[in-house]
Protein backbone atom coordinates (compact mmCIF):
# COMPACT_ATOMS: atom_id res chain seq x y z
CA MET A 1 91.57 90.29 121.28
CA LYS A 2 91.49 89.55 117.49
CA LYS A 3 93.71 91.18 114.81
CA ILE A 4 91.69 92.58 112.02
CA LEU A 5 93.67 92.01 108.69
CA PRO A 6 92.53 94.77 105.99
CA VAL A 7 91.25 92.69 102.91
CA TRP A 8 94.00 94.13 100.85
CA ILE A 9 96.71 92.29 102.69
CA VAL A 10 94.95 88.96 102.27
CA ILE A 11 94.38 89.45 98.49
CA LEU A 12 97.26 91.59 97.11
CA MET A 13 100.16 90.62 99.51
CA SER A 14 99.60 86.86 99.59
CA SER A 15 102.74 85.96 97.82
CA SER A 16 104.70 87.52 100.57
CA PHE A 17 102.43 87.51 103.46
CA ILE A 18 101.25 84.10 103.43
CA PHE A 19 103.52 82.04 101.57
CA ALA A 20 107.02 83.27 102.30
CA GLN A 21 109.36 80.10 102.86
CA ASN A 22 112.86 79.13 102.31
CA ILE A 23 112.21 75.75 101.14
CA LYS A 24 111.84 75.45 97.36
CA PRO A 25 108.78 73.63 96.45
CA ASN A 26 108.46 70.84 93.59
CA ARG A 27 106.98 72.34 90.56
CA PRO A 28 106.84 69.63 87.87
CA GLN A 29 105.34 71.65 85.20
CA GLU A 30 107.96 74.49 85.30
CA PRO A 31 109.74 74.35 81.81
CA GLN A 32 113.44 73.98 81.87
CA GLU A 33 115.95 75.36 79.13
CA PRO A 34 116.74 74.74 76.39
CA TYR A 35 113.25 75.41 75.27
CA PRO A 36 112.06 74.04 71.76
CA TYR A 37 111.26 77.62 70.78
CA TYR A 38 112.83 81.02 70.26
CA SER A 39 112.98 83.23 73.55
CA GLU A 40 113.89 86.86 73.57
CA ASP A 41 114.27 89.17 76.30
CA ILE A 42 112.90 92.69 75.17
CA THR A 43 112.17 96.03 76.34
CA PHE A 44 109.18 98.36 75.33
CA GLU A 45 108.45 101.90 76.04
CA ASN A 46 105.33 103.28 77.34
CA LYS A 47 105.76 106.76 76.09
CA GLN A 48 102.63 108.20 77.84
CA ALA A 49 104.17 107.24 81.18
CA GLY A 50 107.75 107.77 80.15
CA ILE A 51 108.68 104.57 81.36
CA ASN A 52 110.37 101.36 79.77
CA LEU A 53 109.02 97.87 80.58
CA ALA A 54 111.06 94.74 80.54
CA GLY A 55 109.72 91.25 79.18
CA THR A 56 110.01 88.05 77.21
CA LEU A 57 108.74 87.24 73.77
CA THR A 58 108.58 83.74 73.06
CA LEU A 59 108.10 82.51 69.19
CA PRO A 60 107.42 79.01 68.05
CA LYS A 61 110.31 79.44 65.51
CA LYS A 62 112.78 82.29 65.04
CA GLU A 63 111.42 82.66 61.45
CA GLY A 64 107.73 82.98 60.54
CA ILE A 65 104.54 85.03 61.20
CA PHE A 66 102.47 83.97 64.23
CA PRO A 67 99.36 84.86 66.13
CA ALA A 68 100.13 86.28 69.31
CA VAL A 69 98.96 87.04 72.89
CA ILE A 70 99.98 89.39 75.81
CA LEU A 71 99.73 88.05 79.26
CA ILE A 72 98.28 90.50 81.75
CA SER A 73 98.99 89.64 85.50
CA GLY A 74 96.69 89.94 88.44
CA SER A 75 96.51 92.80 91.17
CA GLY A 76 99.83 93.53 93.18
CA PRO A 77 103.30 93.87 91.65
CA GLN A 78 104.11 90.89 89.47
CA ASP A 79 106.96 90.03 87.57
CA ARG A 80 106.77 88.41 83.94
CA ASN A 81 106.15 85.00 85.33
CA GLU A 82 103.39 86.32 87.72
CA GLU A 83 105.33 84.51 90.24
CA LEU A 84 103.49 83.81 93.57
CA ALA A 85 103.21 80.86 96.24
CA GLY A 86 106.28 79.44 94.66
CA HIS A 87 104.54 79.04 91.43
CA LYS A 88 105.27 80.66 87.93
CA PRO A 89 101.79 80.57 86.18
CA PHE A 90 102.66 82.83 83.34
CA LEU A 91 105.75 80.87 82.50
CA VAL A 92 103.80 77.45 82.50
CA LEU A 93 101.21 79.36 80.30
CA SER A 94 103.36 80.84 77.79
CA ASP A 95 105.59 77.85 77.24
CA TYR A 96 102.39 75.71 76.62
CA LEU A 97 100.83 78.11 74.10
CA THR A 98 104.37 78.74 72.38
CA ARG A 99 104.80 74.91 72.08
CA ASN A 100 101.50 75.02 70.31
CA GLY A 101 102.20 77.64 67.75
CA ILE A 102 101.34 80.88 69.57
CA ALA A 103 103.79 83.79 70.21
CA VAL A 104 103.55 85.11 73.83
CA LEU A 105 104.68 88.33 75.40
CA ARG A 106 104.80 88.33 79.01
CA TYR A 107 106.44 91.36 80.94
CA ASP A 108 107.33 92.73 84.40
CA ASP A 109 104.93 95.13 85.94
CA ARG A 110 105.94 98.72 86.23
CA GLY A 111 108.32 99.12 88.99
CA THR A 112 108.84 95.41 89.32
CA ALA A 113 112.11 93.34 88.47
CA LEU A 114 113.44 94.84 85.57
CA SER A 115 110.71 97.15 84.58
CA GLY A 116 110.84 100.92 85.26
CA GLY A 117 108.12 103.33 86.62
CA ASP A 118 106.31 103.36 90.13
CA PHE A 119 103.72 100.60 90.87
CA LYS A 120 102.46 102.06 94.07
CA SER A 121 101.10 105.20 92.30
CA ALA A 122 99.32 103.38 89.52
CA THR A 123 95.58 102.52 89.07
CA SER A 124 94.30 99.89 86.50
CA VAL A 125 93.99 102.61 84.03
CA ASP A 126 97.46 103.36 84.21
CA LEU A 127 98.51 99.72 83.85
CA ALA A 128 96.24 99.55 80.80
CA THR A 129 98.47 101.99 79.26
CA ASP A 130 101.33 99.38 79.72
CA VAL A 131 99.40 96.77 77.90
CA GLU A 132 98.62 99.26 75.03
CA SER A 133 102.30 99.93 74.82
CA ALA A 134 102.92 96.07 74.60
CA LEU A 135 100.42 95.93 71.96
CA ALA A 136 102.30 98.67 70.04
CA TYR A 137 105.47 96.87 70.51
CA LEU A 138 103.93 93.61 68.92
CA LYS A 139 102.89 95.69 66.01
CA THR A 140 106.45 96.33 65.14
CA ARG A 141 107.73 92.80 65.12
CA LYS A 142 107.58 91.28 61.46
CA GLU A 143 107.22 87.72 63.09
CA ILE A 144 103.77 88.60 64.40
CA ASP A 145 100.31 88.43 62.55
CA GLN A 146 99.01 91.88 63.11
CA LYS A 147 95.31 90.68 62.82
CA LYS A 148 95.54 88.02 65.47
CA ILE A 149 96.96 89.60 68.49
CA GLY A 150 94.83 89.00 71.64
CA LEU A 151 94.83 89.64 75.52
CA ILE A 152 94.82 87.15 78.34
CA GLY A 153 94.49 88.70 81.72
CA HIS A 154 94.29 86.93 84.89
CA SER A 155 92.30 88.40 87.83
CA GLU A 156 92.82 91.94 87.65
CA GLY A 157 94.22 91.50 84.22
CA GLY A 158 90.83 90.36 83.36
CA LEU A 159 89.68 93.80 84.22
CA ILE A 160 92.38 95.55 82.42
CA ALA A 161 91.90 93.50 79.09
CA PRO A 162 88.40 95.00 78.19
CA LEU A 163 89.71 98.45 78.92
CA VAL A 164 92.41 97.93 76.30
CA ALA A 165 90.22 96.07 73.85
CA VAL A 166 87.64 98.99 73.98
CA LYS A 167 90.28 101.95 73.44
CA SER A 168 92.87 100.38 71.16
CA LYS A 169 92.53 99.21 67.73
CA GLY A 170 94.05 95.92 66.80
CA VAL A 171 93.09 93.66 69.61
CA ALA A 172 91.49 90.42 68.19
CA PHE A 173 90.12 88.75 71.05
CA ILE A 174 90.08 88.61 75.03
CA VAL A 175 90.66 85.71 77.27
CA MET A 176 89.47 86.63 80.95
CA LEU A 177 91.17 84.08 83.44
CA GLY A 178 89.12 84.75 86.84
CA GLY A 179 88.16 88.12 85.62
CA PRO A 180 85.75 90.54 87.33
CA ARG A 181 82.36 92.04 86.29
CA ILE A 182 80.94 92.96 89.56
CA PRO A 183 82.13 96.26 91.39
CA GLY A 184 85.51 96.28 93.20
CA ASP A 185 83.73 96.95 96.76
CA LYS A 186 81.57 93.82 96.33
CA ILE A 187 84.39 91.78 95.13
CA LEU A 188 86.42 92.68 98.00
CA LEU A 189 83.55 92.01 100.56
CA ILE A 190 82.87 88.35 98.85
CA GLN A 191 86.78 87.65 99.06
CA GLN A 192 86.90 88.56 102.67
CA ARG A 193 84.03 86.54 103.59
CA LEU A 194 84.86 83.43 101.75
CA ILE A 195 88.80 83.53 102.44
CA ALA A 196 88.14 84.11 106.25
CA LYS A 197 85.56 81.23 106.47
CA ALA A 198 87.93 78.94 104.47
CA SER A 199 90.70 79.98 107.10
CA GLY A 200 88.56 78.78 110.05
CA LYS A 201 87.32 82.22 111.26
CA SER A 202 84.26 82.39 113.22
CA GLU A 203 80.87 84.08 111.73
CA LYS A 204 81.07 86.77 114.50
CA GLU A 205 84.89 87.46 113.42
CA ILE A 206 83.74 87.60 109.71
CA ARG A 207 80.81 89.84 110.56
CA GLY A 208 83.08 92.20 112.52
CA THR A 209 85.58 92.51 109.72
CA GLU A 210 82.85 92.92 107.08
CA ARG A 211 81.18 95.86 109.05
CA ILE A 212 84.28 97.73 109.12
CA ASN A 213 85.14 96.94 105.50
CA ARG A 214 81.63 98.20 104.49
CA GLU A 215 82.13 101.45 106.20
CA ILE A 216 85.53 101.88 104.74
CA PHE A 217 84.15 101.13 101.14
CA ASP A 218 81.40 103.55 101.64
CA VAL A 219 83.78 106.41 102.87
CA VAL A 220 86.23 105.84 99.85
CA LYS A 221 83.28 105.75 97.19
CA GLY A 222 82.05 109.04 98.51
CA SER A 223 85.36 110.75 98.65
CA SER A 224 86.94 113.26 96.04
CA ASP A 225 89.80 114.76 98.23
CA ILE A 226 92.48 112.52 99.43
CA GLU A 227 93.24 114.55 102.46
CA GLN A 228 89.63 114.67 103.65
CA LEU A 229 89.54 110.84 103.02
CA LYS A 230 92.16 110.25 105.50
CA ILE A 231 90.45 112.41 108.08
CA ASP A 232 87.22 110.79 107.52
CA LEU A 233 88.64 107.19 107.58
CA ARG A 234 90.58 107.93 110.91
CA SER A 235 87.49 109.24 112.41
CA ASP A 236 85.28 106.38 111.45
CA LEU A 237 87.95 103.74 112.38
CA LYS A 238 88.02 105.14 115.97
CA LYS A 239 84.37 105.19 116.52
CA PHE A 240 84.46 101.69 115.17
CA LEU A 241 87.23 100.35 117.75
CA SER A 242 85.70 102.31 120.50
CA ALA A 243 82.17 100.63 119.87
CA ASN A 244 83.84 97.21 119.35
CA PRO A 245 86.26 96.68 122.06
CA ASN A 246 86.42 92.97 121.37
CA LEU A 247 88.01 93.59 118.01
CA ARG A 248 90.76 95.81 119.22
CA MET A 249 94.31 94.82 118.02
CA ASN A 250 97.06 92.80 119.81
CA GLU A 251 100.37 91.51 118.77
CA GLY A 252 102.08 94.81 120.05
CA MET A 253 99.85 97.14 117.77
CA THR A 254 98.16 100.02 119.19
CA ASP A 255 94.69 101.53 118.04
CA ASP A 256 96.72 104.26 116.37
CA GLU A 257 98.98 102.04 114.61
CA PHE A 258 96.33 99.93 113.25
CA ILE A 259 94.27 102.87 112.19
CA ASN A 260 97.28 104.38 110.23
CA SER A 261 97.91 101.10 108.71
CA GLN A 262 94.16 101.06 107.46
CA VAL A 263 94.28 104.50 106.24
CA ASP A 264 97.41 104.00 104.31
CA ALA A 265 96.20 100.84 102.72
CA TYR A 266 92.72 102.47 101.64
CA THR A 267 93.99 105.64 100.35
CA THR A 268 96.48 104.29 97.70
CA PRO A 269 95.54 105.35 94.11
CA TRP A 270 95.10 101.50 93.14
CA MET A 271 92.73 100.78 96.13
CA GLN A 272 90.52 104.00 95.67
CA TYR A 273 90.03 103.16 91.89
CA PHE A 274 89.32 99.44 92.43
CA ILE A 275 86.62 99.97 95.11
CA LYS A 276 84.89 102.44 92.92
CA TYR A 277 85.30 100.83 89.56
CA ASN A 278 82.31 98.77 87.90
CA PRO A 279 83.69 96.69 85.05
CA LYS A 280 80.03 96.43 83.56
CA PRO A 281 79.88 99.69 81.37
CA ILE A 282 83.19 98.63 79.62
CA LEU A 283 82.26 95.14 79.25
CA GLU A 284 79.11 96.26 77.52
CA LYS A 285 81.20 97.87 74.71
CA VAL A 286 83.41 94.85 74.08
CA LYS A 287 82.30 93.12 70.61
CA ILE A 288 85.35 91.21 69.91
CA PRO A 289 85.43 87.23 70.73
CA VAL A 290 85.65 86.70 74.55
CA LEU A 291 86.70 83.58 76.38
CA ALA A 292 85.74 83.85 80.40
CA LEU A 293 86.82 81.21 82.49
CA ASN A 294 86.55 80.85 86.16
CA GLY A 295 87.49 77.87 88.69
CA GLU A 296 84.51 76.34 90.53
CA LYS A 297 86.60 77.01 93.92
CA ASP A 298 87.71 80.42 93.07
CA LEU A 299 87.35 82.43 96.34
CA GLN A 300 88.83 85.73 95.05
CA ILE A 301 86.88 86.14 91.79
CA THR A 302 83.68 83.88 92.53
CA PRO A 303 82.18 82.26 89.43
CA LYS A 304 78.73 82.42 90.73
CA GLU A 305 78.75 86.37 90.90
CA ASN A 306 80.88 87.12 88.01
CA LEU A 307 80.54 84.57 85.17
CA LYS A 308 76.72 85.18 84.26
CA ALA A 309 77.11 88.86 84.76
CA ILE A 310 79.96 88.95 82.30
CA LYS A 311 77.90 87.04 79.81
CA LYS A 312 74.84 89.63 80.44
CA ALA A 313 77.06 92.51 79.77
CA LEU A 314 78.51 91.02 76.64
CA ARG A 315 75.33 90.21 75.43
CA LYS A 316 74.24 93.73 75.87
CA ALA A 317 77.17 94.67 73.67
CA LYS A 318 75.61 92.39 70.91
CA ASN A 319 78.80 90.38 70.91
CA LYS A 320 78.07 87.15 69.00
CA ASN A 321 81.42 85.24 70.04
CA ILE A 322 81.16 84.59 73.74
CA THR A 323 82.36 81.46 75.74
CA ILE A 324 81.68 81.23 79.43
CA LYS A 325 82.89 78.26 81.38
CA GLU A 326 83.31 77.24 85.07
CA ILE A 327 85.95 74.44 85.46
CA GLN A 328 85.28 72.12 88.34
CA ASP A 329 87.54 71.90 91.32
CA LEU A 330 89.84 74.71 90.12
CA ASN A 331 90.98 77.74 92.53
CA HIS A 332 92.08 81.19 91.50
CA LEU A 333 95.25 80.05 90.17
CA PHE A 334 93.65 77.45 88.09
CA GLN A 335 95.07 74.72 90.21
CA GLU A 336 93.15 71.50 91.01
CA SER A 337 92.21 72.33 94.66
CA ASP A 338 90.50 70.75 97.65
CA THR A 339 88.82 74.01 99.09
CA GLY A 340 90.13 76.98 97.18
CA ALA A 341 91.76 78.42 100.13
CA LEU A 342 94.66 80.81 99.52
CA GLN A 343 96.98 78.47 102.07
CA GLU A 344 96.60 75.93 99.66
CA TYR A 345 98.22 77.53 96.73
CA GLN A 346 101.67 76.95 97.74
CA ARG A 347 101.01 73.34 99.20
CA ILE A 348 99.75 72.24 95.61
CA GLU A 349 102.56 71.02 93.25
CA GLN A 350 100.41 71.69 90.15
CA THR A 351 100.90 75.29 88.71
CA TYR A 352 98.20 74.95 86.04
CA SER A 353 95.35 72.64 85.51
CA PRO A 354 95.88 70.90 81.97
CA ILE A 355 92.37 71.15 81.70
CA ALA A 356 92.20 74.77 81.73
CA LEU A 357 95.30 75.13 79.44
CA ALA A 358 93.54 73.10 76.97
CA GLU A 359 90.41 75.07 77.19
CA VAL A 360 92.33 78.27 76.40
CA LEU A 361 94.34 76.72 73.74
CA ASP A 362 91.11 75.12 71.95
CA TRP A 363 89.39 78.36 71.97
CA LEU A 364 92.27 80.39 70.73
CA ASN A 365 92.78 77.91 67.86
CA LEU A 366 89.27 78.53 66.84
CA GLN A 367 89.83 82.45 66.87
CA ILE A 368 93.33 82.23 64.84
CA LYS A 369 92.40 79.69 62.20
């Protein structure tokens, strides 16, 4: 009997589910104080949501006027450093950019660390209002060049950045780091297959999980009433397990417990929105400069399915400043990786590929010159 893991656990809970360890790993790229730049802990208000968000603003010097970027984290509740698998990618990225003349605002997601609000009830649209509030905050700072504020979004952050850019005035450019273009349900199905394969699962196991996830996604996409959705999911899962006894749960979990866990997972506001969301229409409205980077070995937001589609959507917007690059050997966290498997994230000492850092900086310098 094999345990079926819902896709959301593999993707969104990786920092706690897969990588929990007591041993502090070696992270040679992590900067240590004192920093050769100005760093200020700040708070800003999302008036629409009625919450305060906490973050850090780094400036090349305390005095001056600087171009700036806002860092937008990937899926799941993340702190301002986007900490997972013992890494702090946003700390390394912000340090690198600030040392090279660019101000950076990074912040704790709502309901995470020092930020207020409730993450569990938020969708990508709600999280976009947090970015809008960060943008409004930067516009109050005399040290920031108002015409040179951009967004850098990783993973789901690369979905949120275009939402903000289309709605808000004052976004000068976007960087999508492993950002999606294909619909959410297709992303999750591809993730599930590739991650399961990299983890050594058999084709039979993969197909079994794929079948159940397709059914779940179809039910979610066709739903408009949360209570009816729960009833439909519960019914479909019972039928699936009855027809596939070889895929019943083990490790002490009954069928009912498993079904309840699946229903809870797939009826969250975030998951319902993500499964139904197609980034294409928004990207077709983005006319500001865009850099889209993916790692060749990214198993979570795959370059093959997403990069060409991003380029096509932006061309439909008649965007004349598009840079699309796939970087060899890098995984979803932009680490140099052997296979791209999630299990490698923690084992790899490197937090951020120097090649990826240089690609981002070189492109930013072209936009802010």
